[in-house]
Amino acid sequence: MLGWQLAGGRVKRIQKEYVLGNFLQALRFVNKVGRLAEAEAHHPDITIRYNRVTLGLFTHDAGGITDADFNLAHKFESLAPRPQTRRRL
């Protein structure tokens, strides 16, 4: 999946930083992520820094990365706003 990276020390996780247009867009994205995560009963680590949202996933019970993490990361991708492209005149 584009942009997801392996991170972590002893306990590995996958993570991705999303850059959104502004703080409110970042909050809207995080709210969508939260609703999906709650429905899936699998919750990411979330960091918000103004318009930057970092999501981290690993399965606590397994002590590392599982298929559930990759599946949820794929679903998160569908929630992120697509970058606006400028139209040429």
N, C-alpha and C. Protein backbone atom coordinates (compact mmCIF):
# COMPACT_ATOMS: atom_id res chain seq x y z
N MET A 1 0.84 -1.18 0.00
CA MET A 1 0.00 0.00 0.00
C MET A 1 0.88 1.24 0.00
N LEU A 2 0.53 2.14 -0.83
CA LEU A 2 1.34 3.34 -1.03
C LEU A 2 1.46 4.18 0.24
N GLY A 3 2.67 4.45 0.64
CA GLY A 3 2.93 5.34 1.75
C GLY A 3 3.01 4.70 3.12
N TRP A 4 2.56 3.48 3.27
CA TRP A 4 2.65 2.80 4.56
C TRP A 4 4.06 2.27 4.74
N GLN A 5 4.60 2.44 5.94
CA GLN A 5 5.97 2.03 6.22
C GLN A 5 6.02 1.16 7.47
N LEU A 6 7.03 0.33 7.51
CA LEU A 6 7.31 -0.46 8.70
C LEU A 6 8.03 0.44 9.71
N ALA A 7 7.58 0.42 10.95
CA ALA A 7 8.18 1.27 11.98
C ALA A 7 8.20 0.52 13.30
N GLY A 8 8.82 1.13 14.28
CA GLY A 8 8.82 0.56 15.62
C GLY A 8 10.15 -0.05 15.99
N GLY A 9 10.30 -0.26 17.26
CA GLY A 9 11.49 -0.90 17.79
C GLY A 9 11.26 -2.38 17.97
N ARG A 10 11.13 -2.78 19.22
CA ARG A 10 10.90 -4.19 19.53
C ARG A 10 9.58 -4.68 18.97
N VAL A 11 8.54 -3.84 19.08
CA VAL A 11 7.23 -4.18 18.53
C VAL A 11 7.04 -3.42 17.23
N LYS A 12 6.95 -4.14 16.14
CA LYS A 12 6.81 -3.52 14.83
C LYS A 12 5.36 -3.11 14.58
N ARG A 13 5.20 -2.08 13.76
CA ARG A 13 3.89 -1.62 13.33
C ARG A 13 4.01 -1.09 11.92
N ILE A 14 2.86 -0.88 11.27
CA ILE A 14 2.86 -0.17 10.00
C ILE A 14 2.27 1.21 10.30
N GLN A 15 2.78 2.21 9.59
CA GLN A 15 2.27 3.55 9.83
C GLN A 15 2.32 4.37 8.55
N LYS A 16 1.48 5.41 8.55
CA LYS A 16 1.44 6.32 7.41
C LYS A 16 1.07 7.70 7.90
N GLU A 17 1.68 8.71 7.30
CA GLU A 17 1.32 10.09 7.57
C GLU A 17 0.49 10.61 6.41
N TYR A 18 -0.66 11.16 6.74
CA TYR A 18 -1.54 11.80 5.75
C TYR A 18 -1.42 13.30 5.95
N VAL A 19 -1.26 14.04 4.86
CA VAL A 19 -1.21 15.49 4.92
C VAL A 19 -2.50 16.00 4.29
N LEU A 20 -3.28 16.71 5.10
CA LEU A 20 -4.56 17.22 4.65
C LEU A 20 -4.47 18.74 4.46
N GLY A 21 -5.54 19.34 3.99
CA GLY A 21 -5.51 20.76 3.65
C GLY A 21 -5.41 21.70 4.83
N ASN A 22 -6.01 21.32 5.97
CA ASN A 22 -5.98 22.18 7.15
C ASN A 22 -6.38 21.33 8.37
N PHE A 23 -6.43 21.99 9.50
CA PHE A 23 -6.72 21.30 10.75
C PHE A 23 -8.11 20.67 10.76
N LEU A 24 -9.11 21.40 10.28
CA LEU A 24 -10.47 20.85 10.27
C LEU A 24 -10.59 19.62 9.38
N GLN A 25 -9.92 19.61 8.25
CA GLN A 25 -9.92 18.43 7.39
C GLN A 25 -9.25 17.26 8.10
N ALA A 26 -8.19 17.54 8.83
CA ALA A 26 -7.51 16.49 9.59
C ALA A 26 -8.46 15.89 10.64
N LEU A 27 -9.20 16.76 11.33
CA LEU A 27 -10.14 16.26 12.33
C LEU A 27 -11.26 15.44 11.71
N ARG A 28 -11.77 15.89 10.58
CA ARG A 28 -12.83 15.12 9.89
C ARG A 28 -12.31 13.73 9.49
N PHE A 29 -11.09 13.69 8.97
CA PHE A 29 -10.49 12.41 8.59
C PHE A 29 -10.36 11.50 9.81
N VAL A 30 -9.87 12.04 10.92
CA VAL A 30 -9.69 11.24 12.13
C VAL A 30 -11.03 10.73 12.64
N ASN A 31 -12.07 11.53 12.55
CA ASN A 31 -13.40 11.06 12.97
C ASN A 31 -13.87 9.90 12.11
N LYS A 32 -13.63 9.96 10.81
CA LYS A 32 -13.99 8.84 9.92
C LYS A 32 -13.18 7.59 10.29
N VAL A 33 -11.88 7.79 10.52
CA VAL A 33 -11.02 6.68 10.93
C VAL A 33 -11.54 6.07 12.23
N GLY A 34 -11.92 6.91 13.18
CA GLY A 34 -12.41 6.43 14.46
C GLY A 34 -13.68 5.61 14.34
N ARG A 35 -14.62 6.07 13.51
CA ARG A 35 -15.86 5.32 13.32
C ARG A 35 -15.59 3.95 12.69
N LEU A 36 -14.72 3.93 11.68
CA LEU A 36 -14.39 2.66 11.03
C LEU A 36 -13.65 1.73 12.01
N ALA A 37 -12.69 2.28 12.73
CA ALA A 37 -11.93 1.46 13.68
C ALA A 37 -12.84 0.86 14.75
N GLU A 38 -13.79 1.65 15.22
CA GLU A 38 -14.72 1.15 16.24
C GLU A 38 -15.58 0.03 15.66
N ALA A 39 -16.05 0.20 14.42
CA ALA A 39 -16.86 -0.84 13.77
C ALA A 39 -16.07 -2.12 13.57
N GLU A 40 -14.77 -2.00 13.32
CA GLU A 40 -13.90 -3.15 13.09
C GLU A 40 -13.35 -3.72 14.40
N ALA A 41 -13.53 -2.99 15.50
CA ALA A 41 -12.96 -3.36 16.80
C ALA A 41 -11.44 -3.54 16.72
N HIS A 42 -10.82 -2.65 15.96
CA HIS A 42 -9.36 -2.66 15.79
C HIS A 42 -8.93 -1.20 15.68
N HIS A 43 -8.17 -0.73 16.65
CA HIS A 43 -7.96 0.70 16.81
C HIS A 43 -6.51 1.10 16.54
N PRO A 44 -6.31 2.12 15.70
CA PRO A 44 -4.96 2.59 15.40
C PRO A 44 -4.46 3.55 16.46
N ASP A 45 -3.16 3.72 16.50
CA ASP A 45 -2.57 4.85 17.23
C ASP A 45 -2.70 6.04 16.29
N ILE A 46 -3.14 7.18 16.81
CA ILE A 46 -3.39 8.36 15.99
C ILE A 46 -2.65 9.55 16.58
N THR A 47 -1.92 10.27 15.73
CA THR A 47 -1.27 11.51 16.11
C THR A 47 -1.72 12.58 15.13
N ILE A 48 -2.14 13.73 15.68
CA ILE A 48 -2.54 14.86 14.85
C ILE A 48 -1.60 16.01 15.14
N ARG A 49 -1.02 16.57 14.10
CA ARG A 49 -0.20 17.78 14.19
C ARG A 49 -0.67 18.73 13.10
N TYR A 50 -1.54 19.64 13.48
CA TYR A 50 -2.21 20.59 12.60
C TYR A 50 -2.88 19.87 11.44
N ASN A 51 -2.27 19.83 10.25
CA ASN A 51 -2.90 19.18 9.10
C ASN A 51 -2.29 17.82 8.78
N ARG A 52 -1.49 17.30 9.69
CA ARG A 52 -0.81 16.01 9.48
C ARG A 52 -1.37 14.98 10.47
N VAL A 53 -1.80 13.88 9.92
CA VAL A 53 -2.34 12.78 10.73
C VAL A 53 -1.49 11.55 10.49
N THR A 54 -0.94 10.99 11.56
CA THR A 54 -0.18 9.75 11.46
C THR A 54 -1.00 8.63 12.09
N LEU A 55 -1.18 7.56 11.32
CA LEU A 55 -1.88 6.38 11.80
C LEU A 55 -0.87 5.25 11.95
N GLY A 56 -0.93 4.54 13.06
CA GLY A 56 -0.07 3.39 13.29
C GLY A 56 -0.92 2.18 13.64
N LEU A 57 -0.57 1.04 13.09
CA LEU A 57 -1.35 -0.17 13.31
C LEU A 57 -0.46 -1.35 13.68
N PHE A 58 -0.87 -2.05 14.72
CA PHE A 58 -0.33 -3.37 15.04
C PHE A 58 -1.37 -4.05 15.91
N THR A 59 -1.31 -5.35 15.99
CA THR A 59 -2.29 -6.10 16.76
C THR A 59 -1.71 -6.37 18.14
N HIS A 60 -2.28 -5.70 19.14
CA HIS A 60 -1.78 -5.79 20.51
C HIS A 60 -1.73 -7.24 20.99
N ASP A 61 -2.82 -7.97 20.77
CA ASP A 61 -2.89 -9.35 21.26
C ASP A 61 -1.82 -10.24 20.65
N ALA A 62 -1.45 -9.97 19.40
CA ALA A 62 -0.44 -10.78 18.72
C ALA A 62 0.97 -10.25 18.96
N GLY A 63 1.06 -9.02 19.47
CA GLY A 63 2.38 -8.44 19.72
C GLY A 63 3.11 -8.03 18.46
N GLY A 64 2.37 -7.76 17.39
CA GLY A 64 3.00 -7.35 16.14
C GLY A 64 1.97 -7.16 15.04
N ILE A 65 2.43 -7.18 13.83
CA ILE A 65 1.59 -6.91 12.67
C ILE A 65 0.90 -8.20 12.21
N THR A 66 -0.40 -8.08 11.90
CA THR A 66 -1.17 -9.22 11.38
C THR A 66 -1.94 -8.77 10.14
N ASP A 67 -2.61 -9.72 9.52
CA ASP A 67 -3.45 -9.40 8.35
C ASP A 67 -4.51 -8.36 8.70
N ALA A 68 -5.01 -8.37 9.92
CA ALA A 68 -6.02 -7.40 10.34
C ALA A 68 -5.50 -5.97 10.19
N ASP A 69 -4.23 -5.76 10.45
CA ASP A 69 -3.63 -4.43 10.31
C ASP A 69 -3.59 -3.99 8.85
N PHE A 70 -3.16 -4.89 7.99
CA PHE A 70 -3.12 -4.55 6.56
C PHE A 70 -4.51 -4.33 6.00
N ASN A 71 -5.47 -5.13 6.43
CA ASN A 71 -6.85 -4.96 5.95
C ASN A 71 -7.43 -3.61 6.38
N LEU A 72 -7.18 -3.22 7.63
CA LEU A 72 -7.70 -1.95 8.10
C LEU A 72 -6.97 -0.78 7.44
N ALA A 73 -5.68 -0.90 7.24
CA ALA A 73 -4.93 0.15 6.55
C ALA A 73 -5.49 0.38 5.15
N HIS A 74 -5.83 -0.70 4.48
CA HIS A 74 -6.43 -0.60 3.14
C HIS A 74 -7.76 0.16 3.22
N LYS A 75 -8.55 -0.10 4.22
CA LYS A 75 -9.84 0.60 4.38
C LYS A 75 -9.63 2.07 4.71
N PHE A 76 -8.60 2.38 5.50
CA PHE A 76 -8.30 3.78 5.81
C PHE A 76 -7.97 4.57 4.55
N GLU A 77 -7.31 3.91 3.60
CA GLU A 77 -6.95 4.59 2.36
C GLU A 77 -8.19 5.15 1.65
N SER A 78 -9.29 4.44 1.73
CA SER A 78 -10.50 4.89 1.05
C SER A 78 -11.14 6.09 1.74
N LEU A 79 -10.75 6.38 2.97
CA LEU A 79 -11.31 7.50 3.72
C LEU A 79 -10.58 8.81 3.48
N ALA A 80 -9.33 8.73 3.07
CA ALA A 80 -8.51 9.94 2.92
C ALA A 80 -8.98 10.76 1.73
N PRO A 81 -9.07 12.08 1.91
CA PRO A 81 -9.43 12.93 0.77
C PRO A 81 -8.36 12.83 -0.31
N ARG A 82 -8.79 12.88 -1.52
CA ARG A 82 -7.87 12.86 -2.65
C ARG A 82 -7.33 14.25 -2.87
N PRO A 83 -6.05 14.38 -3.22
CA PRO A 83 -5.48 15.71 -3.48
C PRO A 83 -6.23 16.39 -4.64
N GLN A 84 -6.45 17.67 -4.48
CA GLN A 84 -7.10 18.44 -5.53
C GLN A 84 -6.09 18.71 -6.63
N THR A 85 -6.50 18.50 -7.85
CA THR A 85 -5.66 18.85 -8.99
C THR A 85 -6.18 20.14 -9.58
N ARG A 86 -5.27 20.99 -9.97
CA ARG A 86 -5.66 22.28 -10.54
C ARG A 86 -5.95 22.12 -12.03
N ARG A 87 -7.01 22.72 -12.42
CA ARG A 87 -7.38 22.67 -13.84
C ARG A 87 -6.66 23.78 -14.59
N ARG A 88 -6.21 23.45 -15.75
CA ARG A 88 -5.57 24.46 -16.60
C ARG A 88 -6.63 25.20 -17.37
N LEU A 89 -6.41 26.46 -17.54
CA LEU A 89 -7.36 27.26 -18.32
C LEU A 89 -7.00 27.24 -19.78
